Amino acid sequence: MSSQDLTEPMLRSIMKAERHIRSEYGTRMVGVMDTIGAHPHFAMMLQPGMVTVLSGRDDIDTMYKGSVENAAPQASRLLSQRATDWYVFVENVPTRLWVQSGEFKTVQTVTMFVTDDENGITGEYAWQRYYPPTPPVETDGELLPDRSLRNLQMHEDLLDAVCRGDAAALSASLTPDCIWAQRDYRSSTEGGEIVNLQSAPAAADFVCKCHAALNPVHVSILNRQVTDWFVFAEELWVVEPEAGERRQYRTAVVYAVDENGKFEAVLGFGKAMEALSPSAGKKMGLAFWPEGVGPDPRSHKGYPEG
């Protein structure tokens, strides 16, 4: 396999995402649907703390046509980008013109575009920051990203709870009104089905039912970005459904963290289930080394010398 074989799928993925982004500027959204492929699912934060989940081209077309009466995109400034063969994730500082007030507003957002269709994107999952950044904490004279480290541990705890089907442990990391919009792997609907859950109990119930049907074995982290206000992760789930044969699927998820340090939204989608990769039998992408070390740099628990 040549490097071109690996590079071209990522370039085509970026091309589809940028074609969609470009279609939103100065067009009043005319032509934007030409950049969207079959069976799309969107989860968009249209107001602070509120997410609209949409499926199908008709609903998404209606959303775009209505959006021109509220806000017009003016500029984007991409702070970070992750691109694979099937999604593009960006951290952005966009400026929008609010139509009624005539006010220009610049905010901070994250967006994950699913790019797995030849004709365009099939998903957009977006969240906007709405509280001030958390300053680093001084530890032994060093400024450390204390909140980001806590968010990393919380993400690890959530994945562990999902693997065990532990409703109580999962709920402990979520706000009571957490928004959970992810692919339902129990569904055989073409293009997949997305759930739209609006509370921690509903999310926990969904996870427990999926656990019973899919029997997760472990999850490996393929990509992860952790900040003080979100975690983004591409996850490889190994499951053993009722049929007994181990299978895998990849998900890409935005975990939005509220001001008090809990996940208030879990937004993402995933590729179709497939045969197990040769190296997928072992859990990889560990967060802490050596194993047993925690996120608190003040503690030496788990260190060889500790």
C-alpha atoms as a PDB file:
ATOM      1  CA  MET A   1       0.000   0.000   0.000  1.00  0.00           C
ATOM      2  CA  SER A   2       1.407   3.374  -1.029  1.00  0.00           C
ATOM      3  CA  SER A   3       1.204   6.570   0.999  1.00  0.00           C
ATOM      4  CA  GLN A   4      -1.119   7.887  -1.706  1.00  0.00           C
ATOM      5  CA  ASP A   5      -3.607   5.126  -0.845  1.00  0.00           C
ATOM      6  CA  LEU A   6      -3.732   6.492   2.711  1.00  0.00           C
ATOM      7  CA  THR A   7      -3.650  10.191   1.831  1.00  0.00           C
ATOM      8  CA  GLU A   8      -6.295  10.345  -0.885  1.00  0.00           C
ATOM      9  CA  PRO A   9      -9.261   9.273   1.339  1.00  0.00           C
ATOM     10  CA  MET A  10      -8.366  12.002   3.867  1.00  0.00           C
ATOM     11  CA  LEU A  11      -8.058  14.635   1.138  1.00  0.00           C
ATOM     12  CA  ARG A  12     -11.429  13.655  -0.290  1.00  0.00           C
ATOM     13  CA  SER A  13     -12.903  13.831   3.199  1.00  0.00           C
ATOM     14  CA  ILE A  14     -11.574  17.375   3.684  1.00  0.00           C
ATOM     15  CA  MET A  15     -12.772  18.295   0.192  1.00  0.00           C
ATOM     16  CA  LYS A  16     -16.365  17.311   1.026  1.00  0.00           C
ATOM     17  CA  ALA A  17     -16.317  19.164   4.350  1.00  0.00           C
ATOM     18  CA  GLU A  18     -14.857  22.335   2.798  1.00  0.00           C
ATOM     19  CA  ARG A  19     -17.318  22.196  -0.102  1.00  0.00           C
ATOM     20  CA  HIS A  20     -20.130  22.194   2.459  1.00  0.00           C
ATOM     21  CA  ILE A  21     -18.580  25.020   4.514  1.00  0.00           C
ATOM     22  CA  ARG A  22     -18.028  27.128   1.400  1.00  0.00           C
ATOM     23  CA  SER A  23     -21.675  26.715   0.371  1.00  0.00           C
ATOM     24  CA  GLU A  24     -22.861  28.550   3.507  1.00  0.00           C
ATOM     25  CA  TYR A  25     -21.058  31.844   2.802  1.00  0.00           C
ATOM     26  CA  GLY A  26     -22.837  34.558   0.826  1.00  0.00           C
ATOM     27  CA  THR A  27     -25.397  32.160  -0.665  1.00  0.00           C
ATOM     28  CA  ARG A  28     -28.414  32.437   1.661  1.00  0.00           C
ATOM     29  CA  MET A  29     -27.995  28.654   1.752  1.00  0.00           C
ATOM     30  CA  VAL A  30     -28.934  28.215  -1.918  1.00  0.00           C
ATOM     31  CA  GLY A  31     -27.109  25.099  -3.100  1.00  0.00           C
ATOM     32  CA  VAL A  32     -26.136  23.900   0.369  1.00  0.00           C
ATOM     33  CA  MET A  33     -28.162  20.686  -0.072  1.00  0.00           C
ATOM     34  CA  ASP A  34     -26.006  19.822  -3.093  1.00  0.00           C
ATOM     35  CA  THR A  35     -23.160  19.251  -0.616  1.00  0.00           C
ATOM     36  CA  ILE A  36     -25.106  16.719   1.488  1.00  0.00           C
ATOM     37  CA  GLY A  37     -25.241  13.010   0.684  1.00  0.00           C
ATOM     38  CA  ALA A  38     -27.843  10.329   1.317  1.00  0.00           C
ATOM     39  CA  HIS A  39     -29.373   9.515   4.719  1.00  0.00           C
ATOM     40  CA  PRO A  40     -27.990  12.529   6.638  1.00  0.00           C
ATOM     41  CA  HIS A  41     -28.242  13.058  10.401  1.00  0.00           C
ATOM     42  CA  PHE A  42     -27.514  16.405  12.064  1.00  0.00           C
ATOM     43  CA  ALA A  43     -27.263  17.436  15.731  1.00  0.00           C
ATOM     44  CA  MET A  44     -26.904  21.213  15.843  1.00  0.00           C
ATOM     45  CA  MET A  45     -26.699  23.632  18.761  1.00  0.00           C
ATOM     46  CA  LEU A  46     -28.946  26.390  17.419  1.00  0.00           C
ATOM     47  CA  GLN A  47     -29.336  28.088  20.830  1.00  0.00           C
ATOM     48  CA  PRO A  48     -26.999  27.935  23.865  1.00  0.00           C
ATOM     49  CA  GLY A  49     -27.421  24.583  25.595  1.00  0.00           C
ATOM     50  CA  MET A  50     -30.137  23.400  23.174  1.00  0.00           C
ATOM     51  CA  VAL A  51     -29.582  20.903  20.358  1.00  0.00           C
ATOM     52  CA  THR A  52     -31.830  20.163  17.400  1.00  0.00           C
ATOM     53  CA  VAL A  53     -31.506  16.609  16.053  1.00  0.00           C
ATOM     54  CA  LEU A  54     -32.541  16.137  12.434  1.00  0.00           C
ATOM     55  CA  SER A  55     -32.668  13.139  10.094  1.00  0.00           C
ATOM     56  CA  GLY A  56     -33.348  13.048   6.370  1.00  0.00           C
ATOM     57  CA  ARG A  57     -32.820  15.574   3.624  1.00  0.00           C
ATOM     58  CA  ASP A  58     -36.263  17.194   3.933  1.00  0.00           C
ATOM     59  CA  ASP A  59     -35.859  18.192   7.584  1.00  0.00           C
ATOM     60  CA  ILE A  60     -32.315  19.422   7.035  1.00  0.00           C
ATOM     61  CA  ASP A  61     -33.351  21.430   3.981  1.00  0.00           C
ATOM     62  CA  THR A  62     -36.102  23.081   6.064  1.00  0.00           C
ATOM     63  CA  MET A  63     -33.571  23.919   8.793  1.00  0.00           C
ATOM     64  CA  TYR A  64     -31.212  25.620   6.345  1.00  0.00           C
ATOM     65  CA  LYS A  65     -33.999  27.597   4.655  1.00  0.00           C
ATOM     66  CA  GLY A  66     -35.174  28.858   8.048  1.00  0.00           C
ATOM     67  CA  SER A  67     -31.681  29.706   9.258  1.00  0.00           C
ATOM     68  CA  VAL A  68     -31.211  32.555   6.766  1.00  0.00           C
ATOM     69  CA  GLU A  69     -33.830  34.578   8.631  1.00  0.00           C
ATOM     70  CA  ASN A  70     -31.824  34.330  11.858  1.00  0.00           C
ATOM     71  CA  ALA A  71     -28.103  34.462  11.117  1.00  0.00           C
ATOM     72  CA  ALA A  72     -25.698  34.754   8.204  1.00  0.00           C
ATOM     73  CA  PRO A  73     -22.201  33.205   8.448  1.00  0.00           C
ATOM     74  CA  GLN A  74     -19.476  35.804   7.917  1.00  0.00           C
ATOM     75  CA  ALA A  75     -16.132  34.153   8.675  1.00  0.00           C
ATOM     76  CA  SER A  76     -14.483  31.074  10.182  1.00  0.00           C
ATOM     77  CA  ARG A  77     -11.092  30.705  11.855  1.00  0.00           C
ATOM     78  CA  LEU A  78     -10.159  27.044  12.303  1.00  0.00           C
ATOM     79  CA  LEU A  79      -7.996  26.615  15.388  1.00  0.00           C
ATOM     80  CA  SER A  80      -7.590  22.859  14.991  1.00  0.00           C
ATOM     81  CA  GLN A  81      -8.560  20.123  12.565  1.00  0.00           C
ATOM     82  CA  ARG A  82      -8.597  16.326  12.553  1.00  0.00           C
ATOM     83  CA  ALA A  83      -9.306  14.508   9.310  1.00  0.00           C
ATOM     84  CA  THR A  84      -9.781  10.819   8.592  1.00  0.00           C
ATOM     85  CA  ASP A  85     -11.285   8.859   5.726  1.00  0.00           C
ATOM     86  CA  TRP A  86     -14.815   9.310   7.129  1.00  0.00           C
ATOM     87  CA  TYR A  87     -15.005  12.505   9.203  1.00  0.00           C
ATOM     88  CA  VAL A  88     -13.486  15.951   9.652  1.00  0.00           C
ATOM     89  CA  PHE A  89     -13.454  17.590  13.075  1.00  0.00           C
ATOM     90  CA  VAL A  90     -12.743  21.313  13.481  1.00  0.00           C
ATOM     91  CA  GLU A  91     -12.489  23.757  16.368  1.00  0.00           C
ATOM     92  CA  ASN A  92     -13.633  27.117  15.051  1.00  0.00           C
ATOM     93  CA  VAL A  93     -13.972  30.780  15.980  1.00  0.00           C
ATOM     94  CA  PRO A  94     -16.755  31.876  13.598  1.00  0.00           C
ATOM     95  CA  THR A  95     -18.425  35.257  13.170  1.00  0.00           C
ATOM     96  CA  ARG A  96     -22.125  35.471  12.320  1.00  0.00           C
ATOM     97  CA  LEU A  97     -24.410  38.389  11.505  1.00  0.00           C
ATOM     98  CA  TRP A  98     -27.667  38.202  13.465  1.00  0.00           C
ATOM     99  CA  VAL A  99     -30.255  39.399  10.992  1.00  0.00           C
ATOM    100  CA  GLN A 100     -32.863  41.043  13.242  1.00  0.00           C
ATOM    101  CA  SER A 101     -30.443  43.015  15.438  1.00  0.00           C
ATOM    102  CA  GLY A 102     -27.757  43.623  12.830  1.00  0.00           C
ATOM    103  CA  GLU A 103     -25.198  42.506  15.430  1.00  0.00           C
ATOM    104  CA  PHE A 104     -21.998  40.683  14.519  1.00  0.00           C
ATOM    105  CA  LYS A 105     -21.189  37.976  17.045  1.00  0.00           C
ATOM    106  CA  THR A 106     -17.997  35.913  17.269  1.00  0.00           C
ATOM    107  CA  VAL A 107     -18.093  32.654  19.256  1.00  0.00           C
ATOM    108  CA  GLN A 108     -16.131  29.432  19.742  1.00  0.00           C
ATOM    109  CA  THR A 109     -17.474  26.173  18.348  1.00  0.00           C
ATOM    110  CA  VAL A 110     -16.587  22.585  17.536  1.00  0.00           C
ATOM    111  CA  THR A 111     -18.064  20.730  14.566  1.00  0.00           C
ATOM    112  CA  MET A 112     -17.717  17.160  13.344  1.00  0.00           C
ATOM    113  CA  PHE A 113     -18.654  16.486   9.715  1.00  0.00           C
ATOM    114  CA  VAL A 114     -19.333  12.897   8.633  1.00  0.00           C
ATOM    115  CA  THR A 115     -17.931  12.509   5.123  1.00  0.00           C
ATOM    116  CA  ASP A 116     -18.558   8.856   4.280  1.00  0.00           C
ATOM    117  CA  ASP A 117     -20.715   9.422   1.165  1.00  0.00           C
ATOM    118  CA  GLU A 118     -19.194  10.137  -2.244  1.00  0.00           C
ATOM    119  CA  ASN A 119     -21.778  12.865  -2.885  1.00  0.00           C
ATOM    120  CA  GLY A 120     -21.161  14.915   0.264  1.00  0.00           C
ATOM    121  CA  ILE A 121     -21.382  14.997   4.014  1.00  0.00           C
ATOM    122  CA  THR A 122     -23.929  12.835   5.822  1.00  0.00           C
ATOM    123  CA  GLY A 123     -23.661  14.394   9.247  1.00  0.00           C
ATOM    124  CA  GLU A 124     -22.915  17.612  11.112  1.00  0.00           C
ATOM    125  CA  TYR A 125     -22.558  17.645  14.901  1.00  0.00           C
ATOM    126  CA  ALA A 126     -21.936  21.070  16.392  1.00  0.00           C
ATOM    127  CA  TRP A 127     -21.599  22.628  19.836  1.00  0.00           C
ATOM    128  CA  GLN A 128     -20.884  26.214  20.937  1.00  0.00           C
ATOM    129  CA  ARG A 129     -18.994  27.341  24.006  1.00  0.00           C
ATOM    130  CA  TYR A 130     -21.106  29.620  26.189  1.00  0.00           C
ATOM    131  CA  TYR A 131     -19.068  30.085  29.395  1.00  0.00           C
ATOM    132  CA  PRO A 132     -15.601  31.619  29.949  1.00  0.00           C
ATOM    133  CA  PRO A 133     -12.401  29.568  29.620  1.00  0.00           C
ATOM    134  CA  THR A 134     -11.089  27.897  32.757  1.00  0.00           C
ATOM    135  CA  PRO A 135      -7.591  29.156  33.689  1.00  0.00           C
ATOM    136  CA  PRO A 136      -4.801  26.649  34.359  1.00  0.00           C
ATOM    137  CA  VAL A 137      -4.008  25.697  37.953  1.00  0.00           C
ATOM    138  CA  GLU A 138      -0.587  26.255  39.494  1.00  0.00           C
ATOM    139  CA  THR A 139       0.923  23.038  40.860  1.00  0.00           C
ATOM    140  CA  ASP A 140       4.428  23.087  42.334  1.00  0.00           C
ATOM    141  CA  GLY A 141       5.160  26.262  40.412  1.00  0.00           C
ATOM    142  CA  GLU A 142       3.870  24.901  37.099  1.00  0.00           C
ATOM    143  CA  LEU A 143       0.656  25.898  35.320  1.00  0.00           C
ATOM    144  CA  LEU A 144      -1.230  22.705  34.490  1.00  0.00           C
ATOM    145  CA  PRO A 145      -4.492  22.048  32.593  1.00  0.00           C
ATOM    146  CA  ASP A 146      -6.254  20.712  35.692  1.00  0.00           C
ATOM    147  CA  ARG A 147      -9.786  20.836  34.252  1.00  0.00           C
ATOM    148  CA  SER A 148      -8.718  19.143  31.014  1.00  0.00           C
ATOM    149  CA  LEU A 149      -7.158  16.345  33.052  1.00  0.00           C
ATOM    150  CA  ARG A 150     -10.410  15.916  34.970  1.00  0.00           C
ATOM    151  CA  ASN A 151     -12.330  15.812  31.687  1.00  0.00           C
ATOM    152  CA  LEU A 152      -9.967  13.132  30.399  1.00  0.00           C
ATOM    153  CA  GLN A 153     -10.648  10.997  33.475  1.00  0.00           C
ATOM    154  CA  MET A 154     -14.390  11.616  33.127  1.00  0.00           C
ATOM    155  CA  HIS A 155     -14.281  10.425  29.525  1.00  0.00           C
ATOM    156  CA  GLU A 156     -12.426   7.278  30.600  1.00  0.00           C
ATOM    157  CA  ASP A 157     -15.014   6.705  33.341  1.00  0.00           C
ATOM    158  CA  LEU A 158     -17.881   7.138  30.881  1.00  0.00           C
ATOM    159  CA  LEU A 159     -16.416   4.650  28.410  1.00  0.00           C
ATOM    160  CA  ASP A 160     -15.877   2.155  31.212  1.00  0.00           C
ATOM    161  CA  ALA A 161     -19.491   2.597  32.354  1.00  0.00           C
ATOM    162  CA  VAL A 162     -20.790   2.067  28.810  1.00  0.00           C
ATOM    163  CA  CYS A 163     -18.690  -1.089  28.437  1.00  0.00           C
ATOM    164  CA  ARG A 164     -20.145  -2.461  31.680  1.00  0.00           C
ATOM    165  CA  GLY A 165     -23.686  -1.259  31.018  1.00  0.00           C
ATOM    166  CA  ASP A 166     -23.528   0.525  34.391  1.00  0.00           C
ATOM    167  CA  ALA A 167     -26.389   3.034  34.453  1.00  0.00           C
ATOM    168  CA  ALA A 168     -25.436   4.578  37.806  1.00  0.00           C
ATOM    169  CA  ALA A 169     -21.789   5.120  36.865  1.00  0.00           C
ATOM    170  CA  LEU A 170     -22.784   6.583  33.498  1.00  0.00           C
ATOM    171  CA  SER A 171     -25.294   8.972  35.058  1.00  0.00           C
ATOM    172  CA  ALA A 172     -22.621  10.211  37.480  1.00  0.00           C
ATOM    173  CA  SER A 173     -20.746  11.809  34.576  1.00  0.00           C
ATOM    174  CA  LEU A 174     -23.822  13.390  32.938  1.00  0.00           C
ATOM    175  CA  THR A 175     -25.915  16.447  33.753  1.00  0.00           C
ATOM    176  CA  PRO A 176     -29.553  15.577  34.588  1.00  0.00           C
ATOM    177  CA  ASP A 177     -30.739  17.026  31.260  1.00  0.00           C
ATOM    178  CA  CYS A 178     -27.850  15.704  29.163  1.00  0.00           C
ATOM    179  CA  ILE A 179     -28.522  15.565  25.417  1.00  0.00           C
ATOM    180  CA  TRP A 180     -27.542  12.184  23.975  1.00  0.00           C
ATOM    181  CA  ALA A 181     -27.586  11.950  20.162  1.00  0.00           C
ATOM    182  CA  GLN A 182     -25.705   8.936  18.810  1.00  0.00           C
ATOM    183  CA  ARG A 183     -26.148   6.070  16.378  1.00  0.00           C
ATOM    184  CA  ASP A 184     -28.330   3.188  17.530  1.00  0.00           C
ATOM    185  CA  TYR A 185     -26.452   0.052  16.490  1.00  0.00           C
ATOM    186  CA  ARG A 186     -29.471  -2.145  17.171  1.00  0.00           C
ATOM    187  CA  SER A 187     -31.183  -0.611  14.124  1.00  0.00           C
ATOM    188  CA  SER A 188     -30.814  -1.982  10.608  1.00  0.00           C
ATOM    189  CA  THR A 189     -32.149   1.187   8.960  1.00  0.00           C
ATOM    190  CA  GLU A 190     -30.236   2.128   5.815  1.00  0.00           C
ATOM    191  CA  GLY A 191     -27.805   4.887   6.660  1.00  0.00           C
ATOM    192  CA  GLY A 192     -28.233   4.243  10.376  1.00  0.00           C
ATOM    193  CA  GLU A 193     -30.594   5.682  12.964  1.00  0.00           C
ATOM    194  CA  ILE A 194     -29.799   8.432  15.472  1.00  0.00           C
ATOM    195  CA  VAL A 195     -31.428   8.708  18.891  1.00  0.00           C
ATOM    196  CA  ASN A 196     -32.519  12.028  20.379  1.00  0.00           C
ATOM    197  CA  LEU A 197     -32.493  11.678  24.165  1.00  0.00           C
ATOM    198  CA  GLN A 198     -32.907  14.622  26.511  1.00  0.00           C
ATOM    199  CA  SER A 199     -31.982  13.361  29.985  1.00  0.00           C
ATOM    200  CA  ALA A 200     -29.402  11.304  31.851  1.00  0.00           C
ATOM    201  CA  PRO A 201     -31.954   8.586  32.778  1.00  0.00           C
ATOM    202  CA  ALA A 202     -32.974   8.250  29.116  1.00  0.00           C
ATOM    203  CA  ALA A 203     -29.313   8.009  28.053  1.00  0.00           C
ATOM    204  CA  ALA A 204     -28.578   5.416  30.751  1.00  0.00           C
ATOM    205  CA  ASP A 205     -31.589   3.333  29.717  1.00  0.00           C
ATOM    206  CA  PHE A 206     -30.464   3.457  26.078  1.00  0.00           C
ATOM    207  CA  VAL A 207     -26.918   2.413  26.975  1.00  0.00           C
ATOM    208  CA  CYS A 208     -28.165  -0.510  29.087  1.00  0.00           C
ATOM    209  CA  LYS A 209     -30.390  -1.776  26.270  1.00  0.00           C
ATOM    210  CA  CYS A 210     -27.538  -1.477  23.771  1.00  0.00           C
ATOM    211  CA  HIS A 211     -25.256  -3.293  26.204  1.00  0.00           C
ATOM    212  CA  ALA A 212     -27.679  -6.197  26.399  1.00  0.00           C
ATOM    213  CA  ALA A 213     -27.940  -6.446  22.611  1.00  0.00           C
ATOM    214  CA  LEU A 214     -24.323  -5.779  21.635  1.00  0.00           C
ATOM    215  CA  ASN A 215     -22.285  -7.000  24.634  1.00  0.00           C
ATOM    216  CA  PRO A 216     -19.305  -4.584  24.397  1.00  0.00           C
ATOM    217  CA  VAL A 217     -15.918  -6.205  24.991  1.00  0.00           C
ATOM    218  CA  HIS A 218     -13.693  -3.112  25.044  1.00  0.00           C
ATOM    219  CA  VAL A 219     -13.123   0.241  23.352  1.00  0.00           C
ATOM    220  CA  SER A 220      -9.874   1.572  21.885  1.00  0.00           C
ATOM    221  CA  ILE A 221      -9.190   5.263  21.331  1.00  0.00           C
ATOM    222  CA  LEU A 222      -8.098   6.045  17.769  1.00  0.00           C
ATOM    223  CA  ASN A 223      -8.082   9.845  18.146  1.00  0.00           C
ATOM    224  CA  ARG A 224      -8.831  12.113  21.095  1.00  0.00           C
ATOM    225  CA  GLN A 225      -8.676  15.833  21.825  1.00  0.00           C
ATOM    226  CA  VAL A 226      -9.333  17.059  25.372  1.00  0.00           C
ATOM    227  CA  THR A 227      -9.852  20.671  26.461  1.00  0.00           C
ATOM    228  CA  ASP A 228     -11.462  22.442  29.395  1.00  0.00           C
ATOM    229  CA  TRP A 229     -14.864  22.575  27.612  1.00  0.00           C
ATOM    230  CA  PHE A 230     -15.084  19.505  25.372  1.00  0.00           C
ATOM    231  CA  VAL A 231     -13.684  16.077  24.632  1.00  0.00           C
ATOM    232  CA  PHE A 232     -13.632  14.799  21.075  1.00  0.00           C
ATOM    233  CA  ALA A 233     -12.887  11.131  20.466  1.00  0.00           C
ATOM    234  CA  GLU A 234     -12.840   8.615  17.669  1.00  0.00           C
ATOM    235  CA  GLU A 235     -13.524   5.288  19.323  1.00  0.00           C
ATOM    236  CA  LEU A 236     -13.226   1.708  18.064  1.00  0.00           C
ATOM    237  CA  TRP A 237     -15.797  -0.474  19.814  1.00  0.00           C
ATOM    238  CA  VAL A 238     -15.363  -4.248  19.863  1.00  0.00           C
ATOM    239  CA  VAL A 239     -18.637  -6.011  20.563  1.00  0.00           C
ATOM    240  CA  GLU A 240     -19.939  -9.552  20.692  1.00  0.00           C
ATOM    241  CA  PRO A 241     -23.602  -9.485  19.634  1.00  0.00           C
ATOM    242  CA  GLU A 242     -26.069 -12.238  20.325  1.00  0.00           C
ATOM    243  CA  ALA A 243     -24.814 -14.202  17.310  1.00  0.00           C
ATOM    244  CA  GLY A 244     -21.518 -14.674  19.171  1.00  0.00           C
ATOM    245  CA  GLU A 245     -19.028 -13.458  16.568  1.00  0.00           C
ATOM    246  CA  ARG A 246     -16.952 -10.434  17.575  1.00  0.00           C
ATOM    247  CA  ARG A 247     -17.477  -7.350  15.436  1.00  0.00           C
ATOM    248  CA  GLN A 248     -16.309  -3.731  15.501  1.00  0.00           C
ATOM    249  CA  TYR A 249     -17.531  -0.232  14.701  1.00  0.00           C
ATOM    250  CA  ARG A 250     -15.954   3.225  14.764  1.00  0.00           C
ATOM    251  CA  THR A 251     -17.655   6.235  16.311  1.00  0.00           C
ATOM    252  CA  ALA A 252     -16.704   9.916  16.391  1.00  0.00           C
ATOM    253  CA  VAL A 253     -18.242  11.857  19.257  1.00  0.00           C
ATOM    254  CA  VAL A 254     -18.246  15.369  20.706  1.00  0.00           C
ATOM    255  CA  TYR A 255     -18.601  15.331  24.500  1.00  0.00           C
ATOM    256  CA  ALA A 256     -19.568  18.835  25.656  1.00  0.00           C
ATOM    257  CA  VAL A 257     -18.626  19.696  29.247  1.00  0.00           C
ATOM    258  CA  ASP A 258     -20.780  22.131  31.210  1.00  0.00           C
ATOM    259  CA  GLU A 259     -19.456  24.849  33.515  1.00  0.00           C
ATOM    260  CA  ASN A 260     -19.708  22.548  36.541  1.00  0.00           C
ATOM    261  CA  GLY A 261     -17.651  19.776  34.949  1.00  0.00           C
ATOM    262  CA  LYS A 262     -20.246  17.256  33.734  1.00  0.00           C
ATOM    263  CA  PHE A 263     -21.065  16.095  30.216  1.00  0.00           C
ATOM    264  CA  GLU A 264     -24.129  18.039  29.067  1.00  0.00           C
ATOM    265  CA  ALA A 265     -24.192  16.740  25.489  1.00  0.00           C
ATOM    266  CA  VAL A 266     -22.904  13.608  23.761  1.00  0.00           C
ATOM    267  CA  LEU A 267     -23.200  14.133  20.011  1.00  0.00           C
ATOM    268  CA  GLY A 268     -21.888  11.903  17.246  1.00  0.00           C
ATOM    269  CA  PHE A 269     -22.331   9.058  14.847  1.00  0.00           C
ATOM    270  CA  GLY A 270     -20.485   5.996  13.631  1.00  0.00           C
ATOM    271  CA  LYS A 271     -19.573   3.747  10.750  1.00  0.00           C
ATOM    272  CA  ALA A 272     -21.476   0.557  10.041  1.00  0.00           C
ATOM    273  CA  MET A 273     -20.544  -2.557  11.999  1.00  0.00           C
ATOM    274  CA  GLU A 274     -17.872  -4.649  10.296  1.00  0.00           C
ATOM    275  CA  ALA A 275     -15.571  -7.628  10.703  1.00  0.00           C
ATOM    276  CA  LEU A 276     -12.894  -7.393  13.380  1.00  0.00           C
ATOM    277  CA  SER A 277      -9.560  -5.858  12.352  1.00  0.00           C
ATOM    278  CA  PRO A 278      -6.532  -8.117  12.948  1.00  0.00           C
ATOM    279  CA  SER A 279      -5.170  -5.908  15.761  1.00  0.00           C
ATOM    280  CA  ALA A 280      -8.507  -4.955  17.327  1.00  0.00           C
ATOM    281  CA  GLY A 281      -8.511  -7.768  19.876  1.00  0.00           C
ATOM    282  CA  LYS A 282      -6.422  -5.712  22.315  1.00  0.00           C
ATOM    283  CA  LYS A 283      -7.585  -2.490  23.978  1.00  0.00           C
ATOM    284  CA  MET A 284      -5.365   0.399  22.857  1.00  0.00           C
ATOM    285  CA  GLY A 285      -5.175   4.172  23.055  1.00  0.00           C
ATOM    286  CA  LEU A 286      -4.734   4.270  26.836  1.00  0.00           C
ATOM    287  CA  ALA A 287      -4.929   7.661  28.543  1.00  0.00           C
ATOM    288  CA  PHE A 288      -2.573   7.111  31.465  1.00  0.00           C
ATOM    289  CA  TRP A 289       0.913   5.555  31.609  1.00  0.00           C
ATOM    290  CA  PRO A 290       1.972   3.462  33.366  1.00  0.00           C
ATOM    291  CA  GLU A 291      -1.402   1.813  33.817  1.00  0.00           C
ATOM    292  CA  GLY A 292      -2.902   2.838  37.142  1.00  0.00           C
ATOM    293  CA  VAL A 293      -1.675   6.435  37.048  1.00  0.00           C
ATOM    294  CA  GLY A 294      -4.520   8.919  37.462  1.00  0.00           C
ATOM    295  CA  PRO A 295      -5.041  12.449  36.145  1.00  0.00           C
ATOM    296  CA  ASP A 296      -3.946  14.277  39.324  1.00  0.00           C
ATOM    297  CA  PRO A 297      -0.254  15.275  39.018  1.00  0.00           C
ATOM    298  CA  ARG A 298      -0.194  15.946  42.773  1.00  0.00           C
ATOM    299  CA  SER A 299      -0.675  12.240  43.444  1.00  0.00           C
ATOM    300  CA  HIS A 300       2.062   9.668  42.854  1.00  0.00           C
ATOM    301  CA  LYS A 301      -0.364   6.752  43.035  1.00  0.00           C
ATOM    302  CA  GLY A 302       0.368   4.309  40.250  1.00  0.00           C
ATOM    303  CA  TYR A 303       3.885   5.561  39.552  1.00  0.00           C
ATOM    304  CA  PRO A 304       6.695   2.994  39.818  1.00  0.00           C
ATOM    305  CA  GLU A 305       8.295   5.132  42.550  1.00  0.00           C
ATOM    306  CA  GLY A 306       4.958   6.002  44.194  1.00  0.00           C
END
